[in-house]
Amino acid sequence: FFFQPSRPFAYRAGQHVDVRLTAPDGYQARRSYSIASAPETSGAIELAIEKLDDGEVSPFFHEVAAVGDEIELRGP
């Protein structure tokens, strides 16, 4: 999955970002995902998100999320 941060941030190979999703009822789920894109890549970052059938967050990305959705990321 590719994400376009609202502002650029620097990172190194092996670092991760925290992803936080907030449901309409206010429930929040947070997961950490490793950055799969190279640090010298400008603009979008890539996260490899494996779908876990009993997961709370990964099914959202595989089944619900659409291009243009805003996702809260906390960088390294």
N, C-alpha and C. Protein backbone atom coordinates (compact mmCIF):
# COMPACT_ATOMS: atom_id res chain seq x y z
N PHE A 1 0.84 -1.17 0.00
CA PHE A 1 0.00 0.00 0.00
C PHE A 1 0.89 1.23 0.00
N PHE A 2 0.49 2.24 -0.78
CA PHE A 2 1.27 3.48 -0.87
C PHE A 2 0.51 4.61 -0.17
N PHE A 3 1.26 5.42 0.56
CA PHE A 3 0.70 6.54 1.31
C PHE A 3 1.45 7.81 0.96
N GLN A 4 0.73 8.90 0.82
CA GLN A 4 1.31 10.21 0.54
C GLN A 4 1.22 11.04 1.82
N PRO A 5 2.32 11.15 2.58
CA PRO A 5 2.26 11.94 3.81
C PRO A 5 1.94 13.40 3.53
N SER A 6 1.27 14.04 4.48
CA SER A 6 0.92 15.45 4.31
C SER A 6 2.15 16.35 4.37
N ARG A 7 3.20 15.87 5.01
CA ARG A 7 4.47 16.58 5.01
C ARG A 7 5.59 15.55 4.95
N PRO A 8 6.69 15.88 4.28
CA PRO A 8 7.79 14.92 4.15
C PRO A 8 8.43 14.60 5.51
N PHE A 9 8.92 13.40 5.64
CA PHE A 9 9.71 13.05 6.82
C PHE A 9 10.83 12.11 6.40
N ALA A 10 11.93 12.20 7.12
CA ALA A 10 13.09 11.37 6.81
C ALA A 10 12.98 10.05 7.57
N TYR A 11 13.47 8.99 6.95
CA TYR A 11 13.51 7.70 7.61
C TYR A 11 14.67 6.90 7.06
N ARG A 12 15.03 5.84 7.79
CA ARG A 12 16.10 4.94 7.38
C ARG A 12 15.54 3.54 7.17
N ALA A 13 16.28 2.74 6.45
CA ALA A 13 15.86 1.35 6.21
C ALA A 13 15.62 0.65 7.54
N GLY A 14 14.54 -0.11 7.60
CA GLY A 14 14.21 -0.87 8.80
C GLY A 14 13.31 -0.15 9.79
N GLN A 15 13.04 1.13 9.56
CA GLN A 15 12.16 1.85 10.48
C GLN A 15 10.70 1.55 10.17
N HIS A 16 9.83 1.95 11.08
CA HIS A 16 8.40 1.69 10.93
C HIS A 16 7.60 2.96 11.21
N VAL A 17 6.33 2.90 10.84
CA VAL A 17 5.38 3.95 11.20
C VAL A 17 4.24 3.31 11.98
N ASP A 18 3.60 4.10 12.82
CA ASP A 18 2.40 3.65 13.52
C ASP A 18 1.20 4.14 12.74
N VAL A 19 0.25 3.25 12.51
CA VAL A 19 -0.99 3.58 11.81
C VAL A 19 -2.11 3.53 12.85
N ARG A 20 -2.91 4.59 12.90
CA ARG A 20 -4.04 4.61 13.83
C ARG A 20 -5.33 4.81 13.04
N LEU A 21 -6.28 3.91 13.28
CA LEU A 21 -7.60 4.01 12.66
C LEU A 21 -8.61 4.32 13.75
N THR A 22 -9.56 5.19 13.44
CA THR A 22 -10.60 5.55 14.39
C THR A 22 -11.96 5.21 13.77
N ALA A 23 -12.72 4.37 14.45
CA ALA A 23 -14.06 3.98 13.98
C ALA A 23 -15.05 5.10 14.26
N PRO A 24 -16.20 5.09 13.57
CA PRO A 24 -17.21 6.13 13.80
C PRO A 24 -17.65 6.24 15.26
N ASP A 25 -17.59 5.13 16.01
CA ASP A 25 -17.99 5.18 17.43
C ASP A 25 -16.86 5.65 18.35
N GLY A 26 -15.70 6.00 17.76
CA GLY A 26 -14.58 6.50 18.54
C GLY A 26 -13.54 5.46 18.91
N TYR A 27 -13.84 4.18 18.67
CA TYR A 27 -12.87 3.12 18.97
C TYR A 27 -11.64 3.32 18.10
N GLN A 28 -10.46 3.15 18.70
CA GLN A 28 -9.21 3.32 17.96
C GLN A 28 -8.39 2.04 18.01
N ALA A 29 -7.74 1.74 16.90
CA ALA A 29 -6.81 0.62 16.82
C ALA A 29 -5.52 1.15 16.22
N ARG A 30 -4.39 0.73 16.77
CA ARG A 30 -3.09 1.20 16.30
C ARG A 30 -2.19 -0.01 16.03
N ARG A 31 -1.49 0.04 14.91
CA ARG A 31 -0.55 -1.01 14.55
C ARG A 31 0.70 -0.36 13.97
N SER A 32 1.82 -1.07 14.10
CA SER A 32 3.09 -0.62 13.51
C SER A 32 3.36 -1.44 12.26
N TYR A 33 3.82 -0.76 11.21
CA TYR A 33 4.16 -1.42 9.95
C TYR A 33 5.51 -0.92 9.48
N SER A 34 6.34 -1.85 9.01
CA SER A 34 7.65 -1.48 8.47
C SER A 34 7.50 -0.77 7.15
N ILE A 35 8.36 0.21 6.94
CA ILE A 35 8.36 0.95 5.67
C ILE A 35 9.08 0.09 4.64
N ALA A 36 8.42 -0.18 3.52
CA ALA A 36 8.97 -1.04 2.48
C ALA A 36 9.66 -0.26 1.37
N SER A 37 9.44 1.05 1.31
CA SER A 37 10.07 1.85 0.25
C SER A 37 11.46 2.29 0.68
N ALA A 38 12.30 2.57 -0.31
CA ALA A 38 13.67 3.02 -0.06
C ALA A 38 13.66 4.45 0.47
N PRO A 39 14.56 4.78 1.40
CA PRO A 39 14.60 6.13 1.97
C PRO A 39 14.80 7.23 0.93
N GLU A 40 15.50 6.92 -0.15
CA GLU A 40 15.74 7.96 -1.16
C GLU A 40 14.54 8.18 -2.08
N THR A 41 13.49 7.37 -1.91
CA THR A 41 12.27 7.56 -2.68
C THR A 41 11.56 8.79 -2.14
N SER A 42 11.24 9.71 -3.01
CA SER A 42 10.57 10.92 -2.54
C SER A 42 9.06 10.79 -2.68
N GLY A 43 8.36 11.49 -1.83
CA GLY A 43 6.90 11.50 -1.92
C GLY A 43 6.26 10.39 -1.13
N ALA A 44 5.65 9.44 -1.82
CA ALA A 44 4.89 8.38 -1.17
C ALA A 44 5.80 7.39 -0.46
N ILE A 45 5.25 6.79 0.59
CA ILE A 45 5.94 5.69 1.25
C ILE A 45 5.10 4.43 1.04
N GLU A 46 5.77 3.30 1.02
CA GLU A 46 5.09 2.03 0.83
C GLU A 46 5.14 1.23 2.12
N LEU A 47 4.00 0.66 2.50
CA LEU A 47 3.92 -0.23 3.64
C LEU A 47 3.42 -1.58 3.15
N ALA A 48 4.08 -2.65 3.60
CA ALA A 48 3.64 -4.00 3.26
C ALA A 48 2.70 -4.45 4.38
N ILE A 49 1.41 -4.55 4.08
CA ILE A 49 0.41 -4.89 5.08
C ILE A 49 -0.22 -6.23 4.71
N GLU A 50 0.15 -7.26 5.46
CA GLU A 50 -0.40 -8.60 5.23
C GLU A 50 -1.79 -8.68 5.85
N LYS A 51 -2.72 -9.24 5.11
CA LYS A 51 -4.09 -9.38 5.63
C LYS A 51 -4.15 -10.55 6.60
N LEU A 52 -4.57 -10.25 7.82
CA LEU A 52 -4.82 -11.28 8.82
C LEU A 52 -6.33 -11.37 8.99
N ASP A 53 -6.90 -12.54 8.71
CA ASP A 53 -8.35 -12.68 8.71
C ASP A 53 -9.00 -12.28 10.03
N ASP A 54 -8.32 -12.52 11.15
CA ASP A 54 -8.89 -12.16 12.44
C ASP A 54 -8.32 -10.84 12.97
N GLY A 55 -7.66 -10.09 12.11
CA GLY A 55 -7.07 -8.82 12.51
C GLY A 55 -8.09 -7.70 12.59
N GLU A 56 -7.72 -6.62 13.29
CA GLU A 56 -8.59 -5.45 13.39
C GLU A 56 -8.25 -4.40 12.34
N VAL A 57 -6.98 -4.31 11.97
CA VAL A 57 -6.53 -3.23 11.10
C VAL A 57 -6.27 -3.69 9.67
N SER A 58 -5.56 -4.79 9.49
CA SER A 58 -5.20 -5.20 8.13
C SER A 58 -6.40 -5.47 7.22
N PRO A 59 -7.50 -6.08 7.70
CA PRO A 59 -8.65 -6.25 6.80
C PRO A 59 -9.22 -4.92 6.30
N PHE A 60 -9.12 -3.87 7.11
CA PHE A 60 -9.59 -2.55 6.67
C PHE A 60 -8.87 -2.14 5.39
N PHE A 61 -7.55 -2.29 5.36
CA PHE A 61 -6.79 -1.87 4.19
C PHE A 61 -7.12 -2.73 2.97
N HIS A 62 -7.33 -4.02 3.18
CA HIS A 62 -7.58 -4.93 2.06
C HIS A 62 -9.03 -4.91 1.57
N GLU A 63 -9.98 -4.55 2.44
CA GLU A 63 -11.39 -4.67 2.07
C GLU A 63 -12.17 -3.36 2.05
N VAL A 64 -11.69 -2.34 2.74
CA VAL A 64 -12.49 -1.12 2.91
C VAL A 64 -11.81 0.12 2.35
N ALA A 65 -10.54 0.29 2.64
CA ALA A 65 -9.83 1.53 2.27
C ALA A 65 -9.87 1.76 0.76
N ALA A 66 -9.97 3.03 0.40
CA ALA A 66 -10.00 3.42 -1.01
C ALA A 66 -8.98 4.53 -1.25
N VAL A 67 -8.58 4.66 -2.49
CA VAL A 67 -7.67 5.73 -2.87
C VAL A 67 -8.26 7.06 -2.43
N GLY A 68 -7.45 7.87 -1.77
CA GLY A 68 -7.90 9.17 -1.31
C GLY A 68 -8.32 9.21 0.15
N ASP A 69 -8.51 8.04 0.78
CA ASP A 69 -8.84 8.02 2.20
C ASP A 69 -7.68 8.59 3.01
N GLU A 70 -8.00 9.30 4.08
CA GLU A 70 -6.97 9.84 4.96
C GLU A 70 -6.74 8.86 6.10
N ILE A 71 -5.46 8.56 6.33
CA ILE A 71 -5.05 7.62 7.36
C ILE A 71 -4.06 8.34 8.28
N GLU A 72 -4.17 8.12 9.57
CA GLU A 72 -3.25 8.76 10.50
C GLU A 72 -1.98 7.92 10.64
N LEU A 73 -0.85 8.52 10.27
CA LEU A 73 0.46 7.87 10.39
C LEU A 73 1.31 8.67 11.36
N ARG A 74 2.07 7.97 12.17
CA ARG A 74 3.06 8.62 13.02
C ARG A 74 4.41 8.08 12.60
N GLY A 75 5.25 8.97 12.11
CA GLY A 75 6.52 8.57 11.52
C GLY A 75 7.61 8.22 12.51
N PRO A 76 8.69 7.70 11.96
CA PRO A 76 9.81 7.28 12.82
C PRO A 76 10.48 8.47 13.49
